Amino acid sequence: MLAARQFGLDTCPQASIAEYPSVLRSSLPISNDETIICGMALGYADENSEINFYQPERLDINDFTTFLD
């Protein structure tokens, strides 16, 4: 991802693609003994697209973490 940025490209990791290995194997030479972990979208971001301004709400760290002394 950092190397892509070096060349002016944007990326988006796609872990959900691993849930559909048969779709990938039907189009790409991936054998059944190989595991698909994730994919990567690569290209140029549309800086004016509304989706690129989406900021989801985040939980406070104390809502989901327990700190032990």
C-alpha atoms as a PDB file:
ATOM      1  CA  MET A   1       0.000   0.000   0.000  1.00  0.00           C
ATOM      2  CA  LEU A   2       2.874   2.350   0.776  1.00  0.00           C
ATOM      3  CA  ALA A   3       4.572   1.465  -2.499  1.00  0.00           C
ATOM      4  CA  ALA A   4       1.369   2.278  -4.396  1.00  0.00           C
ATOM      5  CA  ARG A   5       1.193   5.703  -2.728  1.00  0.00           C
ATOM      6  CA  GLN A   6       4.776   6.301  -3.859  1.00  0.00           C
ATOM      7  CA  PHE A   7       3.440   6.076  -7.418  1.00  0.00           C
ATOM      8  CA  GLY A   8       0.343   8.208  -6.775  1.00  0.00           C
ATOM      9  CA  LEU A   9      -2.075   5.283  -6.484  1.00  0.00           C
ATOM     10  CA  ASP A  10      -4.638   4.640  -3.775  1.00  0.00           C
ATOM     11  CA  THR A  11      -5.488   1.261  -2.255  1.00  0.00           C
ATOM     12  CA  CYS A  12      -8.204  -0.407  -0.244  1.00  0.00           C
ATOM     13  CA  PRO A  13      -7.635  -3.816   1.395  1.00  0.00           C
ATOM     14  CA  GLN A  14     -10.502  -6.231   0.768  1.00  0.00           C
ATOM     15  CA  ALA A  15     -10.549  -8.983   3.419  1.00  0.00           C
ATOM     16  CA  SER A  16     -14.150  -9.938   2.586  1.00  0.00           C
ATOM     17  CA  ILE A  17     -13.036 -11.323  -0.779  1.00  0.00           C
ATOM     18  CA  ALA A  18     -11.560 -14.326   1.063  1.00  0.00           C
ATOM     19  CA  GLU A  19     -15.107 -15.490   1.789  1.00  0.00           C
ATOM     20  CA  TYR A  20     -15.651 -16.197  -1.933  1.00  0.00           C
ATOM     21  CA  PRO A  21     -12.685 -18.320  -3.028  1.00  0.00           C
ATOM     22  CA  SER A  22     -14.672 -20.186  -5.699  1.00  0.00           C
ATOM     23  CA  VAL A  23     -15.394 -16.909  -7.515  1.00  0.00           C
ATOM     24  CA  LEU A  24     -11.707 -16.032  -7.578  1.00  0.00           C
ATOM     25  CA  ARG A  25     -10.633 -19.538  -8.560  1.00  0.00           C
ATOM     26  CA  SER A  26     -13.027 -19.501 -11.512  1.00  0.00           C
ATOM     27  CA  SER A  27     -11.234 -16.448 -12.954  1.00  0.00           C
ATOM     28  CA  LEU A  28      -7.673 -16.739 -11.668  1.00  0.00           C
ATOM     29  CA  PRO A  29      -5.126 -19.567 -11.616  1.00  0.00           C
ATOM     30  CA  ILE A  30      -5.411 -20.207  -7.855  1.00  0.00           C
ATOM     31  CA  SER A  31      -5.181 -23.872  -6.860  1.00  0.00           C
ATOM     32  CA  ASN A  32      -7.256 -25.487  -4.123  1.00  0.00           C
ATOM     33  CA  ASP A  33      -4.180 -25.937  -1.944  1.00  0.00           C
ATOM     34  CA  GLU A  34      -3.639 -22.167  -1.815  1.00  0.00           C
ATOM     35  CA  THR A  35      -5.467 -19.999   0.728  1.00  0.00           C
ATOM     36  CA  ILE A  36      -6.921 -16.631  -0.206  1.00  0.00           C
ATOM     37  CA  ILE A  37      -6.472 -14.199   2.669  1.00  0.00           C
ATOM     38  CA  CYS A  38      -7.426 -10.871   1.120  1.00  0.00           C
ATOM     39  CA  GLY A  39      -7.457  -8.818  -2.048  1.00  0.00           C
ATOM     40  CA  MET A  40      -6.491  -5.263  -2.847  1.00  0.00           C
ATOM     41  CA  ALA A  41      -8.302  -2.561  -4.787  1.00  0.00           C
ATOM     42  CA  LEU A  42      -5.804  -0.364  -6.589  1.00  0.00           C
ATOM     43  CA  GLY A  43      -6.400   2.815  -8.537  1.00  0.00           C
ATOM     44  CA  TYR A  44      -6.958   6.542  -8.319  1.00  0.00           C
ATOM     45  CA  ALA A  45      -9.319   7.881  -5.661  1.00  0.00           C
ATOM     46  CA  ASP A  46     -12.077  10.244  -6.703  1.00  0.00           C
ATOM     47  CA  GLU A  47     -11.282  13.076  -4.293  1.00  0.00           C
ATOM     48  CA  ASN A  48     -14.732  14.616  -4.870  1.00  0.00           C
ATOM     49  CA  SER A  49     -16.766  11.471  -4.228  1.00  0.00           C
ATOM     50  CA  GLU A  50     -19.092  11.750  -1.245  1.00  0.00           C
ATOM     51  CA  ILE A  51     -18.076   8.306   0.042  1.00  0.00           C
ATOM     52  CA  ASN A  52     -14.531   9.559   0.620  1.00  0.00           C
ATOM     53  CA  PHE A  53     -15.832  11.984   3.242  1.00  0.00           C
ATOM     54  CA  TYR A  54     -17.698   9.367   5.290  1.00  0.00           C
ATOM     55  CA  GLN A  55     -16.600   9.324   8.940  1.00  0.00           C
ATOM     56  CA  PRO A  56     -18.252   6.531  10.945  1.00  0.00           C
ATOM     57  CA  GLU A  57     -18.898   7.032  14.635  1.00  0.00           C
ATOM     58  CA  ARG A  58     -16.381   5.327  16.875  1.00  0.00           C
ATOM     59  CA  LEU A  59     -16.811   3.849  20.304  1.00  0.00           C
ATOM     60  CA  ASP A  60     -14.708   5.182  23.116  1.00  0.00           C
ATOM     61  CA  ILE A  61     -11.803   2.820  23.851  1.00  0.00           C
ATOM     62  CA  ASN A  62     -13.136   2.233  27.356  1.00  0.00           C
ATOM     63  CA  ASP A  63     -16.388   0.848  25.892  1.00  0.00           C
ATOM     64  CA  PHE A  64     -14.657  -2.246  24.505  1.00  0.00           C
ATOM     65  CA  THR A  65     -11.330  -2.549  26.332  1.00  0.00           C
ATOM     66  CA  THR A  66     -10.332  -3.668  29.797  1.00  0.00           C
ATOM     67  CA  PHE A  67      -6.990  -2.418  31.063  1.00  0.00           C
ATOM     68  CA  LEU A  68      -5.247  -4.552  33.672  1.00  0.00           C
ATOM     69  CA  ASP A  69      -2.713  -3.164  36.141  1.00  0.00           C
END
